[in-house]
Amino acid sequence: MSRSCADDVLLAIPLVVCVSAPSRIYANSKRRIETDVMKLLMSDYEVNLVNDNMQEFYVRFFGPSETPFEGGVWKIHVELPDQYPYKSPSIGFMNKIFHPNIDELSGSVCLDVINQTWSPMFDMMNIFEVFLPQLLRYPNPNDPLNGEAAALLMRHPQDYDGKVKDYVRRFATKEAAEAAAGGSGNKADDEDEDEEMSDVGSISDDE
């Protein structure tokens, strides 16, 4: 039996609807990525795009004042998923940090921490002005990625502060941060430490 043009149109309508919705979401995400990254680039933060890609970049981050992290400099690796801001960004410390909720080897931040905090209403400025400073100021030893740091914080907080400062001195200098961001794999200049600088750590909503 022959099929009319009207039948073809009706058959095509559901397909058009299925394709257009994801396309709109992708377009909205792309605009949001451009807006948020441009805002970060125009701020006082030092931002370096990877191959001019607005979805992957490094940001220089300074430890918050009046904390044992004060004086430290870290290179933060950021990747924005295609679904940003509906999906949280991927964040990793490139040079070492001693913190209960940050994996010492990979630099990845505890998944639950960012997922409990992240909202599409946030932008990249919130990450560096609010999220990361609060993460360092108020560590949660009950949900650790670094068990040693969590135990030390709970049992001997003064010793915890001391070890944090020691890591800042050895691994969070300007030179160490720059070497880590360059992906050189150079070891820290400390005769008592023979571990390499951490690789990129990241977080995402996917398990």
N, C-alpha and C. Protein backbone atom coordinates (compact mmCIF):
# COMPACT_ATOMS: atom_id res chain seq x y z
N MET A 1 0.86 -1.19 0.00
CA MET A 1 0.00 0.00 0.00
C MET A 1 0.89 1.23 0.00
N SER A 2 0.53 2.21 -0.84
CA SER A 2 1.35 3.42 -0.96
C SER A 2 1.19 4.29 0.28
N ARG A 3 2.25 5.08 0.56
CA ARG A 3 2.25 5.94 1.74
C ARG A 3 2.26 7.38 1.29
N SER A 4 1.45 8.23 1.90
CA SER A 4 1.35 9.63 1.51
C SER A 4 2.47 10.45 2.13
N CYS A 5 2.66 11.68 1.63
CA CYS A 5 3.66 12.59 2.21
C CYS A 5 3.30 12.93 3.65
N ALA A 6 1.99 13.01 3.92
CA ALA A 6 1.55 13.32 5.29
C ALA A 6 1.99 12.23 6.25
N ASP A 7 1.92 10.97 5.79
CA ASP A 7 2.37 9.87 6.64
C ASP A 7 3.85 9.98 6.95
N ASP A 8 4.64 10.38 5.93
CA ASP A 8 6.08 10.54 6.14
C ASP A 8 6.37 11.61 7.16
N VAL A 9 5.61 12.71 7.10
CA VAL A 9 5.81 13.80 8.05
C VAL A 9 5.50 13.34 9.46
N LEU A 10 4.39 12.62 9.63
CA LEU A 10 4.00 12.15 10.95
C LEU A 10 5.03 11.18 11.51
N LEU A 11 5.57 10.33 10.65
CA LEU A 11 6.57 9.38 11.11
C LEU A 11 7.86 10.07 11.51
N ALA A 12 8.14 11.20 10.89
CA ALA A 12 9.41 11.90 11.16
C ALA A 12 9.35 12.74 12.42
N ILE A 13 8.16 13.15 12.83
CA ILE A 13 8.04 14.06 13.97
C ILE A 13 8.68 13.53 15.24
N PRO A 14 8.41 12.29 15.67
CA PRO A 14 9.04 11.80 16.91
C PRO A 14 10.56 11.80 16.84
N LEU A 15 11.11 11.50 15.65
CA LEU A 15 12.56 11.47 15.50
C LEU A 15 13.14 12.86 15.67
N VAL A 16 12.48 13.86 15.13
CA VAL A 16 12.95 15.24 15.26
C VAL A 16 12.96 15.66 16.71
N VAL A 17 11.93 15.31 17.45
CA VAL A 17 11.83 15.68 18.86
C VAL A 17 12.96 15.04 19.66
N CYS A 18 13.26 13.77 19.37
CA CYS A 18 14.30 13.06 20.12
C CYS A 18 15.66 13.67 19.91
N VAL A 19 15.93 14.16 18.70
CA VAL A 19 17.25 14.69 18.39
C VAL A 19 17.42 16.11 18.88
N SER A 20 16.36 16.92 18.80
CA SER A 20 16.48 18.34 19.09
C SER A 20 16.72 18.63 20.56
N ALA A 21 16.14 17.84 21.47
CA ALA A 21 16.30 18.12 22.89
C ALA A 21 17.76 18.02 23.35
N PRO A 22 18.48 16.94 23.03
CA PRO A 22 19.89 16.88 23.40
C PRO A 22 20.70 17.98 22.74
N SER A 23 20.33 18.35 21.51
CA SER A 23 21.05 19.42 20.82
C SER A 23 20.91 20.74 21.55
N ARG A 24 19.73 21.02 22.05
CA ARG A 24 19.51 22.27 22.80
C ARG A 24 20.32 22.25 24.09
N ILE A 25 20.33 21.09 24.76
CA ILE A 25 21.09 20.98 26.01
C ILE A 25 22.57 21.20 25.74
N TYR A 26 23.08 20.60 24.65
CA TYR A 26 24.49 20.75 24.31
C TYR A 26 24.82 22.20 24.00
N ALA A 27 23.93 22.86 23.25
CA ALA A 27 24.16 24.27 22.91
C ALA A 27 24.17 25.13 24.16
N ASN A 28 23.24 24.87 25.07
CA ASN A 28 23.19 25.63 26.32
C ASN A 28 24.45 25.39 27.16
N SER A 29 24.90 24.14 27.19
CA SER A 29 26.11 23.82 27.95
C SER A 29 27.32 24.51 27.35
N LYS A 30 27.41 24.53 26.03
CA LYS A 30 28.55 25.16 25.37
C LYS A 30 28.59 26.65 25.67
N ARG A 31 27.43 27.31 25.62
CA ARG A 31 27.38 28.74 25.95
C ARG A 31 27.77 28.98 27.39
N ARG A 32 27.30 28.11 28.27
CA ARG A 32 27.61 28.27 29.69
C ARG A 32 29.10 28.06 29.95
N ILE A 33 29.70 27.09 29.29
CA ILE A 33 31.14 26.86 29.43
C ILE A 33 31.91 28.10 29.00
N GLU A 34 31.56 28.65 27.85
CA GLU A 34 32.26 29.83 27.35
C GLU A 34 32.11 31.00 28.31
N THR A 35 30.91 31.19 28.83
CA THR A 35 30.66 32.30 29.75
C THR A 35 31.46 32.15 31.04
N ASP A 36 31.41 30.96 31.63
CA ASP A 36 32.07 30.74 32.92
C ASP A 36 33.59 30.80 32.80
N VAL A 37 34.12 30.23 31.73
CA VAL A 37 35.58 30.23 31.56
C VAL A 37 36.08 31.64 31.25
N MET A 38 35.35 32.39 30.44
CA MET A 38 35.74 33.77 30.16
C MET A 38 35.74 34.60 31.44
N LYS A 39 34.77 34.36 32.29
CA LYS A 39 34.71 35.06 33.57
C LYS A 39 35.94 34.74 34.41
N LEU A 40 36.35 33.48 34.40
CA LEU A 40 37.53 33.06 35.15
C LEU A 40 38.80 33.67 34.54
N LEU A 41 38.87 33.70 33.21
CA LEU A 41 40.03 34.27 32.53
C LEU A 41 40.18 35.76 32.81
N MET A 42 39.08 36.44 33.00
CA MET A 42 39.11 37.89 33.26
C MET A 42 39.31 38.22 34.73
N SER A 43 39.37 37.20 35.57
CA SER A 43 39.55 37.41 37.00
C SER A 43 41.04 37.53 37.32
N ASP A 44 41.35 37.59 38.61
CA ASP A 44 42.75 37.69 39.05
C ASP A 44 43.46 36.33 39.06
N TYR A 45 42.73 35.26 38.79
CA TYR A 45 43.36 33.94 38.79
C TYR A 45 44.21 33.75 37.54
N GLU A 46 45.31 33.02 37.72
CA GLU A 46 46.15 32.66 36.58
C GLU A 46 45.60 31.39 35.97
N VAL A 47 45.13 31.50 34.74
CA VAL A 47 44.47 30.39 34.05
C VAL A 47 45.22 30.07 32.77
N ASN A 48 45.50 28.81 32.54
CA ASN A 48 46.18 28.37 31.32
C ASN A 48 45.33 27.31 30.63
N LEU A 49 44.81 27.66 29.45
CA LEU A 49 44.02 26.70 28.68
C LEU A 49 44.92 25.65 28.05
N VAL A 50 44.44 24.44 27.94
CA VAL A 50 45.17 23.37 27.27
C VAL A 50 44.77 23.37 25.80
N ASN A 51 45.72 23.74 24.93
CA ASN A 51 45.47 23.79 23.49
C ASN A 51 44.27 24.68 23.15
N ASP A 52 44.16 25.80 23.89
CA ASP A 52 43.05 26.76 23.67
C ASP A 52 41.68 26.11 23.84
N ASN A 53 41.63 25.05 24.61
CA ASN A 53 40.38 24.34 24.85
C ASN A 53 39.74 24.85 26.14
N MET A 54 38.55 25.41 26.04
CA MET A 54 37.88 25.96 27.20
C MET A 54 37.34 24.89 28.14
N GLN A 55 37.44 23.64 27.75
CA GLN A 55 36.95 22.57 28.62
C GLN A 55 38.06 21.89 29.40
N GLU A 56 39.29 22.34 29.21
CA GLU A 56 40.41 21.80 29.98
C GLU A 56 41.43 22.90 30.22
N PHE A 57 41.77 23.10 31.47
CA PHE A 57 42.71 24.18 31.80
C PHE A 57 43.28 23.98 33.19
N TYR A 58 44.31 24.78 33.50
CA TYR A 58 44.94 24.78 34.81
C TYR A 58 44.71 26.14 35.47
N VAL A 59 44.55 26.12 36.78
CA VAL A 59 44.39 27.36 37.54
C VAL A 59 45.35 27.33 38.72
N ARG A 60 46.05 28.43 38.93
CA ARG A 60 46.92 28.52 40.10
C ARG A 60 46.07 28.88 41.32
N PHE A 61 46.20 28.08 42.36
CA PHE A 61 45.37 28.26 43.56
C PHE A 61 46.27 28.39 44.78
N PHE A 62 45.97 29.40 45.61
CA PHE A 62 46.75 29.65 46.82
C PHE A 62 45.98 29.16 48.05
N GLY A 63 46.70 28.57 48.98
CA GLY A 63 46.08 28.10 50.21
C GLY A 63 45.44 29.24 50.98
N PRO A 64 44.28 29.00 51.58
CA PRO A 64 43.58 30.07 52.32
C PRO A 64 44.37 30.52 53.54
N SER A 65 44.24 31.80 53.85
CA SER A 65 44.95 32.37 54.99
C SER A 65 44.40 31.81 56.31
N GLU A 66 45.22 31.90 57.33
CA GLU A 66 44.87 31.44 58.68
C GLU A 66 44.51 29.95 58.70
N THR A 67 45.15 29.20 57.84
CA THR A 67 45.05 27.74 57.84
C THR A 67 46.46 27.19 57.68
N PRO A 68 46.68 25.92 57.99
CA PRO A 68 48.03 25.35 57.77
C PRO A 68 48.41 25.29 56.30
N PHE A 69 47.45 25.53 55.40
CA PHE A 69 47.73 25.53 53.96
C PHE A 69 48.19 26.90 53.47
N GLU A 70 48.18 27.89 54.34
CA GLU A 70 48.56 29.25 53.95
C GLU A 70 49.99 29.26 53.42
N GLY A 71 50.18 29.97 52.32
CA GLY A 71 51.50 30.05 51.70
C GLY A 71 51.73 29.01 50.62
N GLY A 72 50.84 28.01 50.54
CA GLY A 72 50.99 26.98 49.53
C GLY A 72 50.45 27.42 48.18
N VAL A 73 51.04 26.88 47.12
CA VAL A 73 50.61 27.17 45.76
C VAL A 73 50.37 25.84 45.05
N TRP A 74 49.18 25.69 44.50
CA TRP A 74 48.84 24.44 43.80
C TRP A 74 48.36 24.74 42.39
N LYS A 75 48.69 23.85 41.50
CA LYS A 75 48.12 23.90 40.16
C LYS A 75 46.92 22.95 40.15
N ILE A 76 45.78 23.51 39.84
CA ILE A 76 44.54 22.73 39.81
C ILE A 76 44.18 22.43 38.36
N HIS A 77 44.00 21.16 38.06
CA HIS A 77 43.60 20.74 36.72
C HIS A 77 42.08 20.65 36.68
N VAL A 78 41.49 21.30 35.69
CA VAL A 78 40.02 21.34 35.58
C VAL A 78 39.60 20.83 34.21
N GLU A 79 38.63 19.95 34.21
CA GLU A 79 37.99 19.51 32.97
C GLU A 79 36.49 19.69 33.11
N LEU A 80 35.89 20.32 32.12
CA LEU A 80 34.45 20.54 32.13
C LEU A 80 33.78 19.54 31.18
N PRO A 81 32.86 18.74 31.69
CA PRO A 81 32.17 17.77 30.82
C PRO A 81 31.23 18.47 29.85
N ASP A 82 30.85 17.78 28.79
CA ASP A 82 29.92 18.35 27.82
C ASP A 82 28.60 18.74 28.47
N GLN A 83 28.26 18.07 29.58
CA GLN A 83 26.98 18.33 30.25
C GLN A 83 27.07 19.44 31.30
N TYR A 84 28.22 20.09 31.41
CA TYR A 84 28.38 21.19 32.37
C TYR A 84 27.34 22.28 32.07
N PRO A 85 26.72 22.89 33.05
CA PRO A 85 26.92 22.79 34.50
C PRO A 85 26.02 21.75 35.19
N TYR A 86 25.30 20.95 34.39
CA TYR A 86 24.41 19.96 34.99
C TYR A 86 25.20 18.78 35.55
N LYS A 87 26.41 18.63 35.07
CA LYS A 87 27.34 17.63 35.61
C LYS A 87 28.54 18.37 36.17
N SER A 88 29.01 17.94 37.33
CA SER A 88 30.08 18.66 38.02
C SER A 88 31.39 18.60 37.26
N PRO A 89 32.23 19.64 37.40
CA PRO A 89 33.54 19.63 36.76
C PRO A 89 34.46 18.61 37.41
N SER A 90 35.49 18.25 36.68
CA SER A 90 36.53 17.36 37.20
C SER A 90 37.68 18.22 37.71
N ILE A 91 38.09 17.98 38.95
CA ILE A 91 39.11 18.82 39.59
C ILE A 91 40.20 17.95 40.19
N GLY A 92 41.44 18.33 39.99
CA GLY A 92 42.54 17.56 40.57
C GLY A 92 43.71 18.45 40.97
N PHE A 93 44.31 18.15 42.12
CA PHE A 93 45.53 18.83 42.56
C PHE A 93 46.72 18.20 41.85
N MET A 94 47.49 19.01 41.14
CA MET A 94 48.62 18.48 40.39
C MET A 94 49.83 18.23 41.26
N ASN A 95 50.07 19.08 42.25
CA ASN A 95 51.17 18.82 43.18
C ASN A 95 50.60 18.40 44.52
N LYS A 96 51.41 17.72 45.31
CA LYS A 96 50.93 17.03 46.50
C LYS A 96 50.33 17.95 47.56
N ILE A 97 49.35 17.38 48.26
CA ILE A 97 48.70 18.07 49.36
C ILE A 97 48.29 17.01 50.38
N PHE A 98 48.41 17.34 51.66
CA PHE A 98 48.05 16.41 52.73
C PHE A 98 46.71 16.85 53.30
N HIS A 99 45.66 16.09 52.97
CA HIS A 99 44.29 16.48 53.33
C HIS A 99 43.42 15.23 53.37
N PRO A 100 42.53 15.09 54.37
CA PRO A 100 41.72 13.88 54.48
C PRO A 100 40.86 13.57 53.26
N ASN A 101 40.38 14.59 52.56
CA ASN A 101 39.44 14.38 51.47
C ASN A 101 40.07 14.48 50.09
N ILE A 102 41.41 14.47 50.04
CA ILE A 102 42.13 14.53 48.77
C ILE A 102 43.12 13.38 48.71
N ASP A 103 43.02 12.58 47.66
CA ASP A 103 43.93 11.44 47.53
C ASP A 103 45.36 11.94 47.34
N GLU A 104 46.27 11.45 48.17
CA GLU A 104 47.64 11.95 48.14
C GLU A 104 48.36 11.62 46.84
N LEU A 105 48.10 10.46 46.27
CA LEU A 105 48.82 10.03 45.08
C LEU A 105 48.23 10.60 43.79
N SER A 106 46.91 10.58 43.66
CA SER A 106 46.28 11.03 42.42
C SER A 106 45.90 12.50 42.43
N GLY A 107 45.72 13.07 43.62
CA GLY A 107 45.28 14.46 43.70
C GLY A 107 43.78 14.63 43.57
N SER A 108 43.05 13.52 43.43
CA SER A 108 41.60 13.62 43.25
C SER A 108 40.90 14.02 44.54
N VAL A 109 39.84 14.79 44.40
CA VAL A 109 39.04 15.23 45.53
C VAL A 109 37.93 14.22 45.76
N CYS A 110 37.58 13.98 47.02
CA CYS A 110 36.53 13.03 47.37
C CYS A 110 35.26 13.31 46.57
N LEU A 111 34.76 12.30 45.89
CA LEU A 111 33.59 12.44 45.01
C LEU A 111 32.38 12.97 45.76
N ASP A 112 32.12 12.44 46.94
CA ASP A 112 30.94 12.86 47.70
C ASP A 112 31.00 14.33 48.06
N VAL A 113 32.19 14.82 48.31
CA VAL A 113 32.34 16.22 48.74
C VAL A 113 31.83 17.17 47.67
N ILE A 114 32.26 16.99 46.43
CA ILE A 114 31.83 17.92 45.38
C ILE A 114 30.39 17.66 44.96
N ASN A 115 29.96 16.41 44.95
CA ASN A 115 28.59 16.12 44.54
C ASN A 115 27.57 16.67 45.53
N GLN A 116 27.93 16.70 46.81
CA GLN A 116 27.03 17.26 47.81
C GLN A 116 26.98 18.78 47.73
N THR A 117 28.00 19.37 47.13
CA THR A 117 28.10 20.83 47.08
C THR A 117 27.68 21.40 45.74
N TRP A 118 27.95 20.70 44.66
CA TRP A 118 27.78 21.25 43.33
C TRP A 118 26.31 21.45 42.96
N SER A 119 26.07 22.56 42.26
CA SER A 119 24.74 22.88 41.74
C SER A 119 24.94 23.58 40.40
N PRO A 120 24.01 23.40 39.44
CA PRO A 120 24.12 24.12 38.16
C PRO A 120 24.13 25.64 38.33
N MET A 121 23.72 26.10 39.50
CA MET A 121 23.74 27.54 39.75
C MET A 121 25.16 28.05 39.99
N PHE A 122 26.08 27.14 40.32
CA PHE A 122 27.46 27.54 40.58
C PHE A 122 28.21 27.74 39.27
N ASP A 123 29.32 28.49 39.35
CA ASP A 123 30.20 28.62 38.20
C ASP A 123 31.63 28.35 38.66
N MET A 124 32.58 28.54 37.76
CA MET A 124 33.96 28.21 38.10
C MET A 124 34.54 29.14 39.16
N MET A 125 34.06 30.35 39.25
CA MET A 125 34.52 31.26 40.30
C MET A 125 34.17 30.70 41.67
N ASN A 126 33.00 30.07 41.77
CA ASN A 126 32.61 29.46 43.05
C ASN A 126 33.58 28.36 43.48
N ILE A 127 34.11 27.64 42.50
CA ILE A 127 35.06 26.57 42.82
C ILE A 127 36.28 27.12 43.54
N PHE A 128 36.81 28.22 43.02
CA PHE A 128 38.07 28.74 43.55
C PHE A 128 37.90 29.78 44.66
N GLU A 129 36.73 30.37 44.75
CA GLU A 129 36.51 31.35 45.81
C GLU A 129 35.79 30.77 47.02
N VAL A 130 35.05 29.68 46.81
CA VAL A 130 34.26 29.12 47.90
C VAL A 130 34.59 27.65 48.15
N PHE A 131 34.40 26.81 47.13
CA PHE A 131 34.50 25.36 47.34
C PHE A 131 35.88 24.93 47.83
N LEU A 132 36.94 25.25 47.09
CA LEU A 132 38.27 24.80 47.48
C LEU A 132 38.75 25.42 48.80
N PRO A 133 38.56 26.74 49.01
CA PRO A 133 38.96 27.29 50.31
C PRO A 133 38.23 26.63 51.48
N GLN A 134 36.93 26.37 51.32
CA GLN A 134 36.18 25.73 52.41
C GLN A 134 36.61 24.28 52.59
N LEU A 135 36.96 23.61 51.51
CA LEU A 135 37.43 22.24 51.61
C LEU A 135 38.71 22.17 52.45
N LEU A 136 39.60 23.13 52.25
CA LEU A 136 40.85 23.13 53.01
C LEU A 136 40.64 23.62 54.44
N ARG A 137 39.72 24.54 54.63
CA ARG A 137 39.45 25.06 55.98
C ARG A 137 38.72 24.05 56.86
N TYR A 138 37.80 23.31 56.25
CA TYR A 138 36.94 22.42 57.03
C TYR A 138 36.98 21.00 56.48
N PRO A 139 38.10 20.29 56.66
CA PRO A 139 38.18 18.91 56.18
C PRO A 139 37.20 18.01 56.91
N ASN A 140 36.76 16.96 56.22
CA ASN A 140 35.82 16.01 56.81
C ASN A 140 36.52 14.66 56.99
N PRO A 141 37.02 14.37 58.19
CA PRO A 141 37.75 13.12 58.40
C PRO A 141 36.85 11.88 58.40
N ASN A 142 35.53 12.09 58.41
CA ASN A 142 34.60 10.95 58.42
C ASN A 142 34.37 10.36 57.03
N ASP A 143 34.85 11.04 55.99
CA ASP A 143 34.68 10.55 54.62
C ASP A 143 36.01 10.71 53.88
N PRO A 144 37.03 9.96 54.32
CA PRO A 144 38.39 10.24 53.84
C PRO A 144 38.77 9.52 52.55
N LEU A 145 39.65 10.17 51.80
CA LEU A 145 40.39 9.52 50.73
C LEU A 145 41.82 9.26 51.20
N ASN A 146 42.25 10.05 52.17
CA ASN A 146 43.57 9.88 52.78
C ASN A 146 43.36 9.48 54.24
N GLY A 147 43.39 8.18 54.50
CA GLY A 147 43.12 7.68 55.84
C GLY A 147 44.11 8.16 56.88
N GLU A 148 45.37 8.29 56.48
CA GLU A 148 46.39 8.76 57.41
C GLU A 148 46.10 10.18 57.87
N ALA A 149 45.75 11.04 56.91
CA ALA A 149 45.44 12.43 57.24
C ALA A 149 44.21 12.51 58.14
N ALA A 150 43.19 11.70 57.84
CA ALA A 150 41.97 11.71 58.63
C ALA A 150 42.24 11.28 60.07
N ALA A 151 42.99 10.19 60.23
CA ALA A 151 43.30 9.69 61.58
C ALA A 151 44.13 10.69 62.37
N LEU A 152 45.09 11.31 61.70
CA LEU A 152 45.95 12.28 62.38
C LEU A 152 45.15 13.50 62.80
N LEU A 153 44.24 13.95 61.95
CA LEU A 153 43.41 15.11 62.28
C LEU A 153 42.54 14.83 63.49
N MET A 154 41.95 13.64 63.56
CA MET A 154 41.05 13.31 64.66
C MET A 154 41.79 13.06 65.97
N ARG A 155 42.95 12.42 65.89
CA ARG A 155 43.65 12.01 67.11
C ARG A 155 44.68 13.03 67.59
N HIS A 156 45.37 13.64 66.63
CA HIS A 156 46.44 14.58 66.99
C HIS A 156 46.39 15.79 66.05
N PRO A 157 45.43 16.68 66.24
CA PRO A 157 45.24 17.80 65.31
C PRO A 157 46.47 18.69 65.15
N GLN A 158 47.25 18.86 66.21
CA GLN A 158 48.45 19.68 66.09
C GLN A 158 49.48 19.01 65.18
N ASP A 159 49.59 17.69 65.30
CA ASP A 159 50.50 16.96 64.42
C ASP A 159 50.01 17.02 62.97
N TYR A 160 48.69 16.99 62.80
CA TYR A 160 48.11 17.13 61.46
C TYR A 160 48.50 18.47 60.85
N ASP A 161 48.33 19.54 61.62
CA ASP A 161 48.71 20.87 61.12
C ASP A 161 50.18 20.90 60.74
N GLY A 162 51.00 20.26 61.56
CA GLY A 162 52.43 20.25 61.29
C GLY A 162 52.77 19.52 60.00
N LYS A 163 52.10 18.41 59.75
CA LYS A 163 52.38 17.66 58.53
C LYS A 163 51.87 18.39 57.30
N VAL A 164 50.72 19.06 57.44
CA VAL A 164 50.20 19.88 56.34
C VAL A 164 51.22 20.94 55.96
N LYS A 165 51.76 21.62 56.97
CA LYS A 165 52.75 22.68 56.72
C LYS A 165 54.02 22.11 56.10
N ASP A 166 54.39 20.91 56.52
CA ASP A 166 55.57 20.27 55.95
C ASP A 166 55.36 19.97 54.46
N TYR A 167 54.16 19.50 54.11
CA TYR A 167 53.85 19.24 52.71
C TYR A 167 53.83 20.54 51.91
N VAL A 168 53.31 21.60 52.53
CA VAL A 168 53.30 22.90 51.86
C VAL A 168 54.73 23.33 51.54
N ARG A 169 55.60 23.19 52.52
CA ARG A 169 57.00 23.60 52.34
C ARG A 169 57.69 22.78 51.25
N ARG A 170 57.40 21.49 51.19
CA ARG A 170 58.11 20.61 50.27
C ARG A 170 57.48 20.49 48.89
N PHE A 171 56.16 20.53 48.83
CA PHE A 171 55.48 20.22 47.58
C PHE A 171 54.62 21.35 47.01
N ALA A 172 54.39 22.40 47.77
CA ALA A 172 53.46 23.44 47.32
C ALA A 172 54.14 24.79 47.14
N THR A 173 55.39 24.75 46.69
CA THR A 173 56.07 25.99 46.32
C THR A 173 55.65 26.38 44.91
N LYS A 174 55.95 27.59 44.53
CA LYS A 174 55.65 28.05 43.17
C LYS A 174 56.33 27.16 42.14
N GLU A 175 57.60 26.82 42.42
CA GLU A 175 58.36 25.99 41.48
C GLU A 175 57.76 24.59 41.34
N ALA A 176 57.34 24.02 42.48
CA ALA A 176 56.75 22.68 42.44
C ALA A 176 55.44 22.68 41.67
N ALA A 177 54.65 23.73 41.86
CA ALA A 177 53.37 23.82 41.16
C ALA A 177 53.59 23.94 39.65
N GLU A 178 54.56 24.75 39.25
CA GLU A 178 54.83 24.92 37.83
C GLU A 178 55.34 23.62 37.20
N ALA A 179 56.20 22.91 37.93
CA ALA A 179 56.72 21.64 37.42
C ALA A 179 55.61 20.62 37.27
N ALA A 180 54.70 20.58 38.24
CA ALA A 180 53.58 19.63 38.18
C ALA A 180 52.67 19.93 37.02
N ALA A 181 52.37 21.20 36.79
CA ALA A 181 51.47 21.58 35.71
C ALA A 181 52.07 21.27 34.36
N GLY A 182 53.40 21.30 34.29
CA GLY A 182 54.04 20.99 33.03
C GLY A 182 54.07 19.52 32.72
N GLY A 183 53.65 18.70 33.71
CA GLY A 183 53.61 17.26 33.48
C GLY A 183 54.99 16.66 33.32
N SER A 184 56.01 17.31 33.95
CA SER A 184 57.37 16.84 33.77
C SER A 184 57.65 15.56 34.53
N GLY A 185 56.88 15.31 35.62
CA GLY A 185 57.11 14.11 36.41
C GLY A 185 58.33 14.22 37.28
N ASN A 186 58.88 15.46 37.45
CA ASN A 186 60.05 15.64 38.30
C ASN A 186 59.72 15.34 39.74
N LYS A 187 60.70 14.83 40.46
CA LYS A 187 60.50 14.55 41.87
C LYS A 187 60.76 15.80 42.68
N ALA A 188 60.13 15.88 43.83
CA ALA A 188 60.30 17.04 44.69
C ALA A 188 61.72 17.08 45.22
N ASP A 189 62.20 18.31 45.47
CA ASP A 189 63.57 18.49 45.96
C ASP A 189 63.62 18.27 47.45
N ASP A 190 63.58 17.02 47.84
CA ASP A 190 63.67 16.68 49.25
C ASP A 190 64.34 15.32 49.36
N GLU A 191 65.47 15.27 50.07
CA GLU A 191 66.25 14.04 50.13
C GLU A 191 65.53 12.93 50.86
N ASP A 192 64.61 13.29 51.75
CA ASP A 192 63.92 12.28 52.54
C ASP A 192 62.68 11.75 51.85
N GLU A 193 62.35 12.32 50.67
CA GLU A 193 61.12 11.93 49.98
C GLU A 193 61.46 11.47 48.58
N ASP A 194 61.08 10.25 48.23
CA ASP A 194 61.44 9.70 46.94
C ASP A 194 60.21 9.39 46.11
N GLU A 195 59.10 10.10 46.39
CA GLU A 195 57.88 9.88 45.65
C GLU A 195 57.73 10.95 44.58
N GLU A 196 57.17 10.57 43.46
CA GLU A 196 56.99 11.52 42.38
C GLU A 196 55.82 12.44 42.66
N MET A 197 55.85 13.60 41.98
CA MET A 197 54.73 14.52 42.06
C MET A 197 53.50 13.82 41.53
N SER A 198 52.33 14.16 42.06
CA SER A 198 51.12 13.44 41.70
C SER A 198 50.70 13.72 40.27
N ASP A 199 50.06 12.72 39.65
CA ASP A 199 49.48 12.89 38.33
C ASP A 199 48.15 13.60 38.46
N VAL A 200 47.50 13.84 37.30
CA VAL A 200 46.21 14.52 37.33
C VAL A 200 45.21 13.69 38.09
N GLY A 201 44.50 14.30 39.05
CA GLY A 201 43.40 13.64 39.73
C GLY A 201 42.12 14.28 39.27
N SER A 202 41.04 13.56 39.24
CA SER A 202 39.80 14.15 38.78
C SER A 202 38.62 13.53 39.47
N ILE A 203 37.55 14.23 39.36
CA ILE A 203 36.31 13.75 39.92
C ILE A 203 35.23 13.92 38.89
N SER A 204 34.25 13.07 38.96
CA SER A 204 33.11 13.19 38.08
C SER A 204 31.93 12.55 38.77
N ASP A 205 30.80 12.66 38.16
CA ASP A 205 29.60 12.09 38.76
C ASP A 205 29.48 10.61 38.47
N ASP A 206 30.35 10.11 37.56
CA ASP A 206 30.24 8.71 37.17
C ASP A 206 31.07 7.84 38.08
N GLU A 207 30.54 6.75 38.52
CA GLU A 207 31.29 5.77 39.31
C GLU A 207 31.66 4.61 38.40
